[in-house]
Amino acid sequence: MWVSIKLQYNKETDADNRWGAVNKNTNWDWWKKHITNELYTTILWKEKKDVLDIILKHIDQNFWTVDMKKYEQHIIEALEKDKKQYIKKMEELTKHPIPYTQITCFFTTLPRCPYKWEKWFIWMYYKAKDPVRIFLHETLHFQFHWRYRNNSKVKALSTKQFEYLKESLTFLLNHEFEDFIEVPDEGYDEHQELIKQLEDYRIKQEDERDFEKLIEYWCDILLKK
C-alpha cells in the first residue's frame, strides 16, 4: 500500500497533547518535568475548552523561538528515506495491508506521542531522535486496532489486558525493524514481564513466526488468570 505522511504543526494540537497528558494518563508521568507545576495544577481535571487559552499562552511563552520548519525538514527526511520498505515490512508482519493512504503526524513540543487510530493521527515530538521508531510504534498500534481488536480472543480481554498486550507487542520493532530504527523500543516498565514472555514465545516459533498466533498465545494466558 502506498502511504503518504503529512507533517504539520499547530498550537491547538500541541495544547491538546498537554491537556491529554495531564488528564488521561496521569499514571505515566515521565513527561511531567516538561510541564510546570503551575500549569499542571491549573489544567488538572478541567475541561479542555476552559483551559485552552492558558495552555496556548504557555506554549507561546516557552517555544516562540523554535524554528519548526527546521525540525519538520529533519523528521520528514527521516520518515521518507526507507518508507516503502518499512511499510511493506509492517504489512508482512501483521499479515494485512495498511488500510489508509495518509497518516498525519502532528508536531508537539511535549515529549509524549499519543495517537488516534480511528483517524490515523500520530503526535510526533519535534526533537524526536528516532522518528521512524515512533512512527512504526504507533503504526503497529494502528494495525492491531484495525485488524485484531475484533479477534474473538482479543475481544474477551479486559480493557487493561488489551492495553498491556497492545503496548507489549511493540517489542517486535527491535527484531523485525532493526534495520530501520536507531533506538530500541524499550516499552513501559509495567510491561517488561509480558514482553519477556512474548519474546520467548517468538523464539520458539523459529521460522514459522506468526503475528496472529503470538497474539492468541498471550490471550490464552491472560484469559486463564
N, C-alpha and C. Protein backbone atom coordinates (compact mmCIF):
# COMPACT_ATOMS: atom_id res chain seq x y z
N MET A 1 0.84 -1.20 0.00
CA MET A 1 0.00 0.00 0.00
C MET A 1 0.87 1.25 0.00
N TRP A 2 0.55 2.19 -0.86
CA TRP A 2 1.25 3.47 -0.87
C TRP A 2 0.65 4.35 0.23
N VAL A 3 1.51 4.84 1.13
CA VAL A 3 1.05 5.66 2.25
C VAL A 3 1.82 6.97 2.25
N SER A 4 1.10 8.08 2.27
CA SER A 4 1.76 9.38 2.39
C SER A 4 1.78 9.80 3.86
N ILE A 5 2.81 10.53 4.22
CA ILE A 5 2.96 11.02 5.59
C ILE A 5 2.87 12.54 5.55
N LYS A 6 1.91 13.07 6.26
CA LYS A 6 1.70 14.51 6.32
C LYS A 6 2.14 15.03 7.68
N LEU A 7 3.08 15.98 7.67
CA LEU A 7 3.52 16.61 8.91
C LEU A 7 2.94 18.01 9.02
N GLN A 8 2.50 18.37 10.21
CA GLN A 8 2.03 19.73 10.40
C GLN A 8 2.13 20.12 11.86
N TYR A 9 2.30 21.40 12.11
CA TYR A 9 2.31 21.90 13.48
C TYR A 9 1.27 22.99 13.63
N ASN A 10 0.48 22.84 14.67
CA ASN A 10 -0.35 23.97 15.09
C ASN A 10 -0.48 23.91 16.60
N LYS A 11 -0.62 25.04 17.20
CA LYS A 11 -0.59 25.12 18.65
C LYS A 11 -1.78 24.41 19.30
N GLU A 12 -2.90 24.32 18.58
CA GLU A 12 -4.07 23.69 19.18
C GLU A 12 -3.84 22.19 19.42
N THR A 13 -3.24 21.49 18.45
CA THR A 13 -2.96 20.06 18.67
C THR A 13 -1.84 19.88 19.68
N ASP A 14 -0.91 20.83 19.74
CA ASP A 14 0.14 20.80 20.76
C ASP A 14 -0.48 20.97 22.15
N ALA A 15 -1.40 21.89 22.25
CA ALA A 15 -2.11 22.11 23.52
C ALA A 15 -2.93 20.89 23.91
N ASP A 16 -3.55 20.27 22.91
CA ASP A 16 -4.35 19.07 23.17
C ASP A 16 -3.50 17.97 23.79
N ASN A 17 -2.23 17.86 23.37
CA ASN A 17 -1.34 16.86 23.93
C ASN A 17 -1.06 17.13 25.40
N ARG A 18 -0.86 18.38 25.76
CA ARG A 18 -0.63 18.71 27.17
C ARG A 18 -1.87 18.43 28.02
N TRP A 19 -3.02 18.83 27.52
CA TRP A 19 -4.23 18.57 28.29
C TRP A 19 -4.44 17.06 28.45
N GLY A 20 -4.24 16.31 27.39
CA GLY A 20 -4.41 14.87 27.46
C GLY A 20 -3.41 14.20 28.38
N ALA A 21 -2.18 14.69 28.38
CA ALA A 21 -1.15 14.13 29.26
C ALA A 21 -1.56 14.25 30.72
N VAL A 22 -2.07 15.40 31.07
CA VAL A 22 -2.44 15.66 32.46
C VAL A 22 -3.71 14.92 32.85
N ASN A 23 -4.67 14.86 31.95
CA ASN A 23 -6.00 14.36 32.32
C ASN A 23 -6.32 12.94 31.88
N LYS A 24 -5.46 12.34 31.06
CA LYS A 24 -5.77 11.00 30.57
C LYS A 24 -4.78 9.93 31.04
N ASN A 25 -3.53 10.30 31.20
CA ASN A 25 -2.50 9.31 31.54
C ASN A 25 -1.66 9.76 32.72
N THR A 26 -2.29 10.09 33.81
CA THR A 26 -1.55 10.60 34.95
C THR A 26 -0.66 9.54 35.59
N ASN A 27 -0.87 8.26 35.27
CA ASN A 27 -0.02 7.21 35.84
C ASN A 27 1.31 7.10 35.10
N TRP A 28 1.40 7.60 33.86
CA TRP A 28 2.66 7.59 33.11
C TRP A 28 3.20 9.02 33.15
N ASP A 29 3.99 9.32 34.19
CA ASP A 29 4.28 10.73 34.47
C ASP A 29 5.70 11.14 34.13
N TRP A 30 6.39 10.40 33.27
CA TRP A 30 7.76 10.76 32.93
C TRP A 30 7.85 12.09 32.20
N TRP A 31 6.76 12.55 31.63
CA TRP A 31 6.74 13.81 30.89
C TRP A 31 6.50 15.02 31.79
N LYS A 32 6.25 14.79 33.08
CA LYS A 32 5.84 15.89 33.96
C LYS A 32 6.90 16.98 34.09
N LYS A 33 8.16 16.59 33.97
CA LYS A 33 9.23 17.59 34.10
C LYS A 33 9.18 18.61 32.97
N HIS A 34 8.42 18.33 31.93
CA HIS A 34 8.30 19.25 30.81
C HIS A 34 7.07 20.15 30.93
N ILE A 35 6.33 20.01 32.03
CA ILE A 35 5.19 20.87 32.31
C ILE A 35 5.39 21.48 33.68
N THR A 36 5.25 22.77 33.79
CA THR A 36 5.43 23.42 35.09
C THR A 36 4.36 22.96 36.07
N ASN A 37 4.69 22.98 37.34
CA ASN A 37 3.72 22.59 38.37
C ASN A 37 2.48 23.49 38.31
N GLU A 38 2.72 24.74 38.02
CA GLU A 38 1.60 25.69 37.95
C GLU A 38 0.64 25.31 36.82
N LEU A 39 1.21 24.99 35.64
CA LEU A 39 0.35 24.60 34.52
C LEU A 39 -0.36 23.29 34.82
N TYR A 40 0.38 22.35 35.39
CA TYR A 40 -0.20 21.04 35.71
C TYR A 40 -1.42 21.17 36.62
N THR A 41 -1.26 21.88 37.70
CA THR A 41 -2.37 22.01 38.66
C THR A 41 -3.51 22.84 38.09
N THR A 42 -3.19 23.75 37.18
CA THR A 42 -4.23 24.61 36.60
C THR A 42 -5.14 23.82 35.66
N ILE A 43 -4.58 22.88 34.91
CA ILE A 43 -5.40 22.18 33.90
C ILE A 43 -5.88 20.80 34.36
N LEU A 44 -5.40 20.34 35.52
CA LEU A 44 -5.82 19.03 36.01
C LEU A 44 -7.32 18.99 36.30
N TRP A 45 -8.00 17.99 35.72
CA TRP A 45 -9.43 17.76 35.89
C TRP A 45 -10.29 18.92 35.38
N LYS A 46 -9.75 19.70 34.48
CA LYS A 46 -10.52 20.79 33.88
C LYS A 46 -10.95 20.39 32.47
N GLU A 47 -12.08 20.92 32.03
CA GLU A 47 -12.50 20.74 30.64
C GLU A 47 -11.49 21.44 29.73
N LYS A 48 -11.18 20.81 28.62
CA LYS A 48 -10.16 21.37 27.73
C LYS A 48 -10.53 22.78 27.27
N LYS A 49 -11.78 22.97 26.94
CA LYS A 49 -12.21 24.28 26.44
C LYS A 49 -12.02 25.38 27.47
N ASP A 50 -12.02 25.01 28.75
CA ASP A 50 -11.90 26.01 29.81
C ASP A 50 -10.46 26.42 30.08
N VAL A 51 -9.49 25.62 29.64
CA VAL A 51 -8.08 25.93 29.93
C VAL A 51 -7.23 26.05 28.66
N LEU A 52 -7.87 25.97 27.50
CA LEU A 52 -7.12 26.00 26.24
C LEU A 52 -6.28 27.27 26.12
N ASP A 53 -6.85 28.41 26.43
CA ASP A 53 -6.11 29.67 26.30
C ASP A 53 -4.89 29.70 27.22
N ILE A 54 -5.01 29.10 28.38
CA ILE A 54 -3.89 29.07 29.32
C ILE A 54 -2.75 28.21 28.77
N ILE A 55 -3.11 27.07 28.18
CA ILE A 55 -2.10 26.18 27.60
C ILE A 55 -1.44 26.85 26.40
N LEU A 56 -2.23 27.51 25.56
CA LEU A 56 -1.68 28.19 24.39
C LEU A 56 -0.72 29.31 24.81
N LYS A 57 -1.05 30.00 25.86
CA LYS A 57 -0.17 31.07 26.37
C LYS A 57 1.15 30.47 26.85
N HIS A 58 1.07 29.32 27.52
CA HIS A 58 2.29 28.63 27.99
C HIS A 58 3.19 28.26 26.80
N ILE A 59 2.58 27.76 25.74
CA ILE A 59 3.36 27.37 24.54
C ILE A 59 3.99 28.61 23.91
N ASP A 60 3.22 29.67 23.81
CA ASP A 60 3.74 30.92 23.23
C ASP A 60 4.94 31.43 24.02
N GLN A 61 4.85 31.39 25.32
CA GLN A 61 5.90 31.93 26.17
C GLN A 61 7.17 31.09 26.16
N ASN A 62 7.04 29.80 25.96
CA ASN A 62 8.19 28.91 26.11
C ASN A 62 8.78 28.41 24.79
N PHE A 63 8.01 28.49 23.70
CA PHE A 63 8.50 27.91 22.45
C PHE A 63 8.41 28.86 21.26
N TRP A 64 8.27 30.14 21.53
CA TRP A 64 8.09 31.09 20.44
C TRP A 64 9.32 31.21 19.55
N THR A 65 10.49 30.83 20.06
CA THR A 65 11.73 30.95 19.27
C THR A 65 12.04 29.69 18.46
N VAL A 66 11.26 28.63 18.62
CA VAL A 66 11.56 27.37 17.94
C VAL A 66 11.25 27.47 16.45
N ASP A 67 12.21 27.08 15.64
CA ASP A 67 12.04 27.06 14.18
C ASP A 67 11.47 25.70 13.79
N MET A 68 10.15 25.58 13.76
CA MET A 68 9.50 24.30 13.49
C MET A 68 9.82 23.79 12.08
N LYS A 69 10.03 24.69 11.15
CA LYS A 69 10.33 24.26 9.78
C LYS A 69 11.63 23.46 9.72
N LYS A 70 12.59 23.85 10.52
CA LYS A 70 13.86 23.14 10.56
C LYS A 70 13.67 21.71 11.07
N TYR A 71 12.91 21.58 12.15
CA TYR A 71 12.67 20.25 12.71
C TYR A 71 11.79 19.42 11.78
N GLU A 72 10.84 20.08 11.15
CA GLU A 72 9.96 19.38 10.22
C GLU A 72 10.76 18.77 9.07
N GLN A 73 11.71 19.52 8.53
CA GLN A 73 12.52 19.03 7.43
C GLN A 73 13.32 17.80 7.85
N HIS A 74 13.90 17.85 9.03
CA HIS A 74 14.69 16.72 9.53
C HIS A 74 13.83 15.47 9.68
N ILE A 75 12.65 15.62 10.24
CA ILE A 75 11.81 14.46 10.52
C ILE A 75 11.21 13.88 9.24
N ILE A 76 10.76 14.73 8.34
CA ILE A 76 10.16 14.20 7.12
C ILE A 76 11.22 13.49 6.27
N GLU A 77 12.45 13.97 6.27
CA GLU A 77 13.52 13.28 5.55
C GLU A 77 13.77 11.90 6.15
N ALA A 78 13.76 11.82 7.47
CA ALA A 78 13.98 10.54 8.14
C ALA A 78 12.84 9.56 7.83
N LEU A 79 11.61 10.05 7.87
CA LEU A 79 10.46 9.18 7.65
C LEU A 79 10.35 8.71 6.20
N GLU A 80 10.75 9.55 5.28
CA GLU A 80 10.59 9.22 3.86
C GLU A 80 11.72 8.33 3.33
N LYS A 81 12.86 8.32 3.99
CA LYS A 81 14.05 7.65 3.46
C LYS A 81 13.79 6.20 3.07
N ASP A 82 13.27 5.39 3.98
CA ASP A 82 13.04 3.97 3.72
C ASP A 82 11.57 3.61 3.87
N LYS A 83 10.69 4.58 3.63
CA LYS A 83 9.26 4.37 3.90
C LYS A 83 8.69 3.18 3.15
N LYS A 84 9.00 3.04 1.90
CA LYS A 84 8.46 1.95 1.10
C LYS A 84 8.81 0.59 1.71
N GLN A 85 10.05 0.46 2.17
CA GLN A 85 10.50 -0.82 2.73
C GLN A 85 9.86 -1.10 4.08
N TYR A 86 9.82 -0.09 4.98
CA TYR A 86 9.28 -0.41 6.31
C TYR A 86 7.76 -0.52 6.32
N ILE A 87 7.08 0.16 5.40
CA ILE A 87 5.63 -0.04 5.30
C ILE A 87 5.34 -1.46 4.80
N LYS A 88 6.08 -1.91 3.81
CA LYS A 88 5.92 -3.28 3.31
C LYS A 88 6.20 -4.29 4.41
N LYS A 89 7.22 -4.03 5.22
CA LYS A 89 7.57 -4.92 6.32
C LYS A 89 6.44 -4.95 7.36
N MET A 90 5.84 -3.81 7.63
CA MET A 90 4.73 -3.75 8.59
C MET A 90 3.55 -4.58 8.10
N GLU A 91 3.26 -4.49 6.84
CA GLU A 91 2.15 -5.26 6.28
C GLU A 91 2.44 -6.76 6.31
N GLU A 92 3.67 -7.12 6.05
CA GLU A 92 4.05 -8.53 6.10
C GLU A 92 3.97 -9.06 7.53
N LEU A 93 4.45 -8.28 8.47
CA LEU A 93 4.43 -8.70 9.88
C LEU A 93 3.01 -8.91 10.38
N THR A 94 2.14 -7.96 10.11
CA THR A 94 0.78 -8.01 10.66
C THR A 94 -0.19 -8.79 9.77
N LYS A 95 0.31 -9.24 8.61
CA LYS A 95 -0.48 -10.10 7.71
C LYS A 95 -1.65 -9.38 7.06
N HIS A 96 -1.61 -8.06 7.05
CA HIS A 96 -2.69 -7.28 6.44
C HIS A 96 -2.12 -6.02 5.81
N PRO A 97 -2.70 -5.57 4.71
CA PRO A 97 -2.29 -4.29 4.15
C PRO A 97 -2.74 -3.15 5.07
N ILE A 98 -2.01 -2.08 5.05
CA ILE A 98 -2.41 -0.89 5.80
C ILE A 98 -3.64 -0.29 5.12
N PRO A 99 -4.72 -0.06 5.85
CA PRO A 99 -5.99 0.31 5.22
C PRO A 99 -6.18 1.80 4.98
N TYR A 100 -5.12 2.59 5.03
CA TYR A 100 -5.28 4.03 4.85
C TYR A 100 -4.15 4.55 3.98
N THR A 101 -4.39 5.64 3.30
CA THR A 101 -3.42 6.17 2.35
C THR A 101 -2.64 7.36 2.90
N GLN A 102 -3.08 7.90 4.03
CA GLN A 102 -2.35 9.03 4.62
C GLN A 102 -2.34 8.94 6.13
N ILE A 103 -1.17 9.17 6.71
CA ILE A 103 -1.03 9.26 8.15
C ILE A 103 -0.57 10.68 8.46
N THR A 104 -1.25 11.35 9.38
CA THR A 104 -0.90 12.71 9.75
C THR A 104 -0.10 12.70 11.04
N CYS A 105 1.06 13.33 11.02
CA CYS A 105 1.89 13.48 12.21
C CYS A 105 1.81 14.94 12.68
N PHE A 106 1.27 15.14 13.85
CA PHE A 106 1.22 16.48 14.43
C PHE A 106 2.47 16.69 15.28
N PHE A 107 3.22 17.74 14.97
CA PHE A 107 4.36 18.09 15.81
C PHE A 107 3.86 18.49 17.19
N THR A 108 4.65 18.14 18.21
CA THR A 108 4.32 18.55 19.56
C THR A 108 5.59 18.90 20.30
N THR A 109 5.52 19.91 21.17
CA THR A 109 6.67 20.31 21.95
C THR A 109 6.72 19.59 23.29
N LEU A 110 5.81 18.66 23.50
CA LEU A 110 5.82 17.82 24.70
C LEU A 110 6.29 16.43 24.31
N PRO A 111 7.30 15.86 24.99
CA PRO A 111 7.80 14.54 24.61
C PRO A 111 6.87 13.40 25.01
N ARG A 112 5.69 13.45 24.46
CA ARG A 112 4.67 12.42 24.64
C ARG A 112 4.02 12.24 23.28
N CYS A 113 3.91 11.01 22.82
CA CYS A 113 3.46 10.76 21.45
C CYS A 113 2.21 9.89 21.43
N PRO A 114 1.06 10.47 21.70
CA PRO A 114 -0.19 9.71 21.62
C PRO A 114 -0.61 9.52 20.16
N TYR A 115 -1.74 8.88 19.99
CA TYR A 115 -2.24 8.63 18.64
C TYR A 115 -3.76 8.51 18.68
N LYS A 116 -4.37 8.63 17.51
CA LYS A 116 -5.80 8.36 17.35
C LYS A 116 -5.92 7.39 16.19
N TRP A 117 -6.14 6.13 16.52
CA TRP A 117 -6.10 5.11 15.47
C TRP A 117 -7.26 5.23 14.49
N GLU A 118 -8.40 5.75 14.96
CA GLU A 118 -9.55 5.87 14.05
C GLU A 118 -9.30 6.90 12.94
N LYS A 119 -8.45 7.89 13.23
CA LYS A 119 -8.20 8.96 12.26
C LYS A 119 -6.79 8.91 11.69
N TRP A 120 -5.99 7.94 12.14
CA TRP A 120 -4.61 7.78 11.65
C TRP A 120 -3.77 9.01 11.97
N PHE A 121 -3.91 9.50 13.22
CA PHE A 121 -3.15 10.65 13.70
C PHE A 121 -2.06 10.17 14.66
N ILE A 122 -0.89 10.74 14.54
CA ILE A 122 0.21 10.50 15.47
C ILE A 122 0.75 11.86 15.92
N TRP A 123 1.04 11.99 17.21
CA TRP A 123 1.73 13.17 17.70
C TRP A 123 3.22 12.83 17.76
N MET A 124 4.03 13.66 17.12
CA MET A 124 5.47 13.41 16.99
C MET A 124 6.25 14.51 17.70
N TYR A 125 7.04 14.13 18.70
CA TYR A 125 7.86 15.11 19.42
C TYR A 125 8.82 15.78 18.45
N TYR A 126 8.87 17.10 18.48
CA TYR A 126 9.63 17.83 17.46
C TYR A 126 11.13 17.60 17.54
N LYS A 127 11.64 17.13 18.69
CA LYS A 127 13.05 16.80 18.84
C LYS A 127 13.28 15.29 18.84
N ALA A 128 12.37 14.54 18.30
CA ALA A 128 12.50 13.08 18.29
C ALA A 128 13.83 12.64 17.69
N LYS A 129 14.57 11.82 18.44
CA LYS A 129 15.87 11.35 17.95
C LYS A 129 15.71 10.20 16.96
N ASP A 130 14.61 9.49 17.06
CA ASP A 130 14.37 8.37 16.14
C ASP A 130 12.91 8.40 15.69
N PRO A 131 12.56 9.34 14.81
CA PRO A 131 11.16 9.47 14.40
C PRO A 131 10.61 8.23 13.72
N VAL A 132 11.45 7.47 13.05
CA VAL A 132 10.97 6.25 12.39
C VAL A 132 10.48 5.24 13.42
N ARG A 133 11.20 5.10 14.53
CA ARG A 133 10.75 4.17 15.58
C ARG A 133 9.41 4.60 16.15
N ILE A 134 9.25 5.90 16.40
CA ILE A 134 7.97 6.40 16.93
C ILE A 134 6.86 6.12 15.92
N PHE A 135 7.13 6.41 14.67
CA PHE A 135 6.13 6.20 13.62
C PHE A 135 5.74 4.72 13.54
N LEU A 136 6.71 3.82 13.57
CA LEU A 136 6.43 2.39 13.49
C LEU A 136 5.71 1.89 14.74
N HIS A 137 6.09 2.42 15.89
CA HIS A 137 5.43 2.05 17.14
C HIS A 137 3.93 2.34 17.06
N GLU A 138 3.59 3.54 16.61
CA GLU A 138 2.18 3.90 16.53
C GLU A 138 1.47 3.19 15.38
N THR A 139 2.18 2.97 14.28
CA THR A 139 1.56 2.27 13.15
C THR A 139 1.25 0.82 13.52
N LEU A 140 2.10 0.21 14.33
CA LEU A 140 1.81 -1.14 14.82
C LEU A 140 0.55 -1.12 15.69
N HIS A 141 0.39 -0.08 16.48
CA HIS A 141 -0.86 0.08 17.24
C HIS A 141 -2.05 0.18 16.29
N PHE A 142 -1.90 0.98 15.23
CA PHE A 142 -2.98 1.13 14.25
C PHE A 142 -3.40 -0.24 13.70
N GLN A 143 -2.41 -1.01 13.28
CA GLN A 143 -2.70 -2.32 12.69
C GLN A 143 -3.36 -3.26 13.70
N PHE A 144 -2.91 -3.21 14.94
CA PHE A 144 -3.51 -4.06 15.97
C PHE A 144 -4.97 -3.69 16.18
N HIS A 145 -5.24 -2.39 16.25
CA HIS A 145 -6.63 -1.94 16.42
C HIS A 145 -7.48 -2.33 15.22
N TRP A 146 -7.02 -1.99 14.04
CA TRP A 146 -7.82 -2.19 12.84
C TRP A 146 -8.03 -3.65 12.50
N ARG A 147 -7.01 -4.47 12.70
CA ARG A 147 -7.05 -5.84 12.21
C ARG A 147 -7.32 -6.89 13.26
N TYR A 148 -7.06 -6.59 14.54
CA TYR A 148 -7.14 -7.66 15.54
C TYR A 148 -8.01 -7.35 16.75
N ARG A 149 -8.51 -6.15 16.89
CA ARG A 149 -9.32 -5.85 18.07
C ARG A 149 -10.63 -6.66 18.08
N ASN A 150 -11.06 -7.13 16.90
CA ASN A 150 -12.28 -7.93 16.84
C ASN A 150 -12.01 -9.43 16.80
N ASN A 151 -10.75 -9.81 16.95
CA ASN A 151 -10.42 -11.22 17.14
C ASN A 151 -11.16 -11.71 18.38
N SER A 152 -11.75 -12.89 18.32
CA SER A 152 -12.61 -13.36 19.42
C SER A 152 -11.87 -13.41 20.75
N LYS A 153 -10.61 -13.80 20.74
CA LYS A 153 -9.85 -13.87 21.98
C LYS A 153 -9.47 -12.48 22.48
N VAL A 154 -9.13 -11.59 21.58
CA VAL A 154 -8.80 -10.22 21.97
C VAL A 154 -10.03 -9.53 22.55
N LYS A 155 -11.21 -9.77 21.96
CA LYS A 155 -12.44 -9.15 22.45
C LYS A 155 -12.78 -9.61 23.87
N ALA A 156 -12.29 -10.78 24.25
CA ALA A 156 -12.57 -11.31 25.58
C ALA A 156 -11.69 -10.68 26.66
N LEU A 157 -10.66 -9.94 26.27
CA LEU A 157 -9.75 -9.31 27.23
C LEU A 157 -10.42 -8.13 27.92
N SER A 158 -9.98 -7.85 29.12
CA SER A 158 -10.41 -6.62 29.79
C SER A 158 -9.70 -5.44 29.12
N THR A 159 -10.15 -4.23 29.42
CA THR A 159 -9.52 -3.05 28.85
C THR A 159 -8.04 -2.98 29.23
N LYS A 160 -7.73 -3.29 30.48
CA LYS A 160 -6.34 -3.26 30.95
C LYS A 160 -5.51 -4.31 30.24
N GLN A 161 -6.04 -5.51 30.08
CA GLN A 161 -5.32 -6.58 29.39
C GLN A 161 -5.09 -6.21 27.93
N PHE A 162 -6.08 -5.61 27.31
CA PHE A 162 -5.95 -5.18 25.92
C PHE A 162 -4.80 -4.18 25.78
N GLU A 163 -4.75 -3.20 26.68
CA GLU A 163 -3.70 -2.19 26.62
C GLU A 163 -2.33 -2.79 26.85
N TYR A 164 -2.23 -3.72 27.79
CA TYR A 164 -0.95 -4.38 28.07
C TYR A 164 -0.46 -5.13 26.84
N LEU A 165 -1.35 -5.85 26.21
CA LEU A 165 -0.96 -6.63 25.03
C LEU A 165 -0.56 -5.69 23.89
N LYS A 166 -1.37 -4.69 23.63
CA LYS A 166 -1.09 -3.75 22.54
C LYS A 166 0.29 -3.10 22.71
N GLU A 167 0.58 -2.62 23.91
CA GLU A 167 1.86 -1.95 24.15
C GLU A 167 3.03 -2.94 24.11
N SER A 168 2.82 -4.12 24.63
CA SER A 168 3.92 -5.08 24.71
C SER A 168 4.32 -5.61 23.34
N LEU A 169 3.40 -5.65 22.41
CA LEU A 169 3.71 -6.15 21.07
C LEU A 169 4.75 -5.32 20.34
N THR A 170 4.99 -4.10 20.81
CA THR A 170 5.96 -3.26 20.11
C THR A 170 7.39 -3.73 20.33
N PHE A 171 7.60 -4.75 21.15
CA PHE A 171 8.95 -5.33 21.25
C PHE A 171 9.39 -5.86 19.88
N LEU A 172 8.43 -6.17 19.02
CA LEU A 172 8.74 -6.69 17.70
C LEU A 172 9.53 -5.70 16.85
N LEU A 173 9.42 -4.42 17.16
CA LEU A 173 10.18 -3.43 16.40
C LEU A 173 11.68 -3.69 16.49
N ASN A 174 12.12 -4.17 17.64
CA ASN A 174 13.54 -4.40 17.85
C ASN A 174 14.06 -5.59 17.06
N HIS A 175 13.16 -6.46 16.62
CA HIS A 175 13.56 -7.65 15.89
C HIS A 175 13.24 -7.55 14.40
N GLU A 176 12.06 -7.06 14.09
CA GLU A 176 11.61 -7.02 12.71
C GLU A 176 12.05 -5.76 11.96
N PHE A 177 12.33 -4.68 12.71
CA PHE A 177 12.64 -3.40 12.06
C PHE A 177 14.00 -2.86 12.49
N GLU A 178 14.88 -3.73 12.91
CA GLU A 178 16.18 -3.27 13.41
C GLU A 178 16.99 -2.53 12.36
N ASP A 179 16.70 -2.78 11.09
CA ASP A 179 17.42 -2.09 10.02
C ASP A 179 16.93 -0.66 9.81
N PHE A 180 15.81 -0.32 10.43
CA PHE A 180 15.21 0.99 10.18
C PHE A 180 15.23 1.91 11.40
N ILE A 181 15.38 1.36 12.60
CA ILE A 181 15.32 2.18 13.81
C ILE A 181 16.72 2.36 14.39
N GLU A 182 16.90 3.45 15.10
CA GLU A 182 18.19 3.76 15.70
C GLU A 182 18.22 3.51 17.19
N VAL A 183 17.05 3.65 17.83
CA VAL A 183 16.95 3.49 19.28
C VAL A 183 15.99 2.36 19.59
N PRO A 184 16.37 1.38 20.41
CA PRO A 184 15.47 0.26 20.72
C PRO A 184 14.17 0.73 21.36
N ASP A 185 13.11 0.01 21.08
CA ASP A 185 11.82 0.28 21.70
C ASP A 185 11.79 -0.49 23.02
N GLU A 186 11.91 0.23 24.14
CA GLU A 186 12.05 -0.42 25.44
C GLU A 186 10.72 -0.73 26.11
N GLY A 187 9.67 -0.06 25.73
CA GLY A 187 8.38 -0.30 26.36
C GLY A 187 8.31 0.29 27.75
N TYR A 188 7.16 0.12 28.40
CA TYR A 188 6.96 0.64 29.75
C TYR A 188 7.38 -0.40 30.78
N ASP A 189 7.78 0.08 31.95
CA ASP A 189 8.29 -0.81 33.00
C ASP A 189 7.28 -1.90 33.35
N GLU A 190 6.00 -1.54 33.42
CA GLU A 190 4.99 -2.50 33.86
C GLU A 190 4.72 -3.60 32.84
N HIS A 191 5.28 -3.46 31.64
CA HIS A 191 5.04 -4.46 30.60
C HIS A 191 6.23 -5.40 30.38
N GLN A 192 7.30 -5.22 31.15
CA GLN A 192 8.53 -5.96 30.87
C GLN A 192 8.38 -7.48 31.05
N GLU A 193 7.61 -7.91 32.03
CA GLU A 193 7.41 -9.35 32.22
C GLU A 193 6.67 -9.95 31.02
N LEU A 194 5.65 -9.26 30.56
CA LEU A 194 4.90 -9.73 29.39
C LEU A 194 5.79 -9.72 28.15
N ILE A 195 6.58 -8.69 27.98
CA ILE A 195 7.47 -8.61 26.82
C ILE A 195 8.43 -9.80 26.81
N LYS A 196 8.98 -10.14 27.97
CA LYS A 196 9.91 -11.27 28.04
C LYS A 196 9.22 -12.57 27.63
N GLN A 197 8.00 -12.77 28.06
CA GLN A 197 7.28 -13.99 27.69
C GLN A 197 6.96 -14.02 26.20
N LEU A 198 6.61 -12.88 25.66
CA LEU A 198 6.33 -12.81 24.22
C LEU A 198 7.61 -13.06 23.41
N GLU A 199 8.72 -12.54 23.87
CA GLU A 199 9.99 -12.77 23.18
C GLU A 199 10.36 -14.25 23.21
N ASP A 200 10.16 -14.88 24.35
CA ASP A 200 10.47 -16.31 24.48
C ASP A 200 9.61 -17.12 23.52
N TYR A 201 8.33 -16.78 23.43
CA TYR A 201 7.44 -17.50 22.53
C TYR A 201 7.85 -17.26 21.08
N ARG A 202 8.22 -16.03 20.77
CA ARG A 202 8.64 -15.72 19.41
C ARG A 202 9.85 -16.56 19.00
N ILE A 203 10.80 -16.73 19.90
CA ILE A 203 11.99 -17.54 19.62
C ILE A 203 11.58 -18.99 19.33
N LYS A 204 10.64 -19.50 20.09
CA LYS A 204 10.21 -20.89 19.92
C LYS A 204 9.48 -21.10 18.59
N GLN A 205 8.91 -20.03 18.04
CA GLN A 205 8.23 -20.15 16.75
C GLN A 205 9.19 -20.42 15.61
N GLU A 206 10.46 -20.09 15.80
CA GLU A 206 11.52 -20.30 14.82
C GLU A 206 11.14 -19.71 13.47
N ASP A 207 11.11 -20.50 12.42
CA ASP A 207 10.86 -19.97 11.08
C ASP A 207 9.38 -19.83 10.75
N GLU A 208 8.52 -20.20 11.68
CA GLU A 208 7.09 -20.11 11.43
C GLU A 208 6.45 -19.04 12.30
N ARG A 209 7.17 -17.96 12.51
CA ARG A 209 6.67 -16.89 13.37
C ARG A 209 5.43 -16.25 12.76
N ASP A 210 4.44 -16.10 13.60
CA ASP A 210 3.13 -15.66 13.12
C ASP A 210 2.56 -14.64 14.10
N PHE A 211 2.26 -13.46 13.60
CA PHE A 211 1.78 -12.36 14.44
C PHE A 211 0.46 -12.72 15.13
N GLU A 212 -0.44 -13.32 14.40
CA GLU A 212 -1.74 -13.66 14.97
C GLU A 212 -1.61 -14.74 16.03
N LYS A 213 -0.75 -15.72 15.79
CA LYS A 213 -0.54 -16.77 16.79
C LYS A 213 0.10 -16.21 18.05
N LEU A 214 0.98 -15.23 17.88
CA LEU A 214 1.60 -14.57 19.03
C LEU A 214 0.54 -13.88 19.88
N ILE A 215 -0.38 -13.19 19.23
CA ILE A 215 -1.46 -12.52 19.94
C ILE A 215 -2.34 -13.54 20.68
N GLU A 216 -2.72 -14.57 19.99
CA GLU A 216 -3.62 -15.56 20.60
C GLU A 216 -2.94 -16.34 21.71
N TYR A 217 -1.64 -16.56 21.57
CA TYR A 217 -0.88 -17.23 22.64
C TYR A 217 -1.01 -16.46 23.94
N TRP A 218 -0.81 -15.15 23.89
CA TRP A 218 -0.86 -14.40 25.13
C TRP A 218 -2.30 -14.18 25.59
N CYS A 219 -3.23 -14.09 24.70
CA CYS A 219 -4.64 -14.01 25.11
C CYS A 219 -5.02 -15.24 25.92
N ASP A 220 -4.58 -16.42 25.49
CA ASP A 220 -4.90 -17.66 26.20
C ASP A 220 -4.37 -17.61 27.63
N ILE A 221 -3.17 -17.05 27.80
CA ILE A 221 -2.58 -16.95 29.15
C ILE A 221 -3.37 -15.95 29.98
N LEU A 222 -3.67 -14.80 29.42
CA LEU A 222 -4.39 -13.77 30.17
C LEU A 222 -5.78 -14.25 30.57
N LEU A 223 -6.44 -14.96 29.68
CA LEU A 223 -7.82 -15.36 29.95
C LEU A 223 -7.92 -16.49 30.98
N LYS A 224 -6.79 -17.12 31.27
CA LYS A 224 -6.76 -18.17 32.29
C LYS A 224 -6.54 -17.60 33.68
N LYS A 225 -6.09 -16.34 33.74
CA LYS A 225 -5.78 -15.72 35.04
C LYS A 225 -7.04 -15.31 35.78
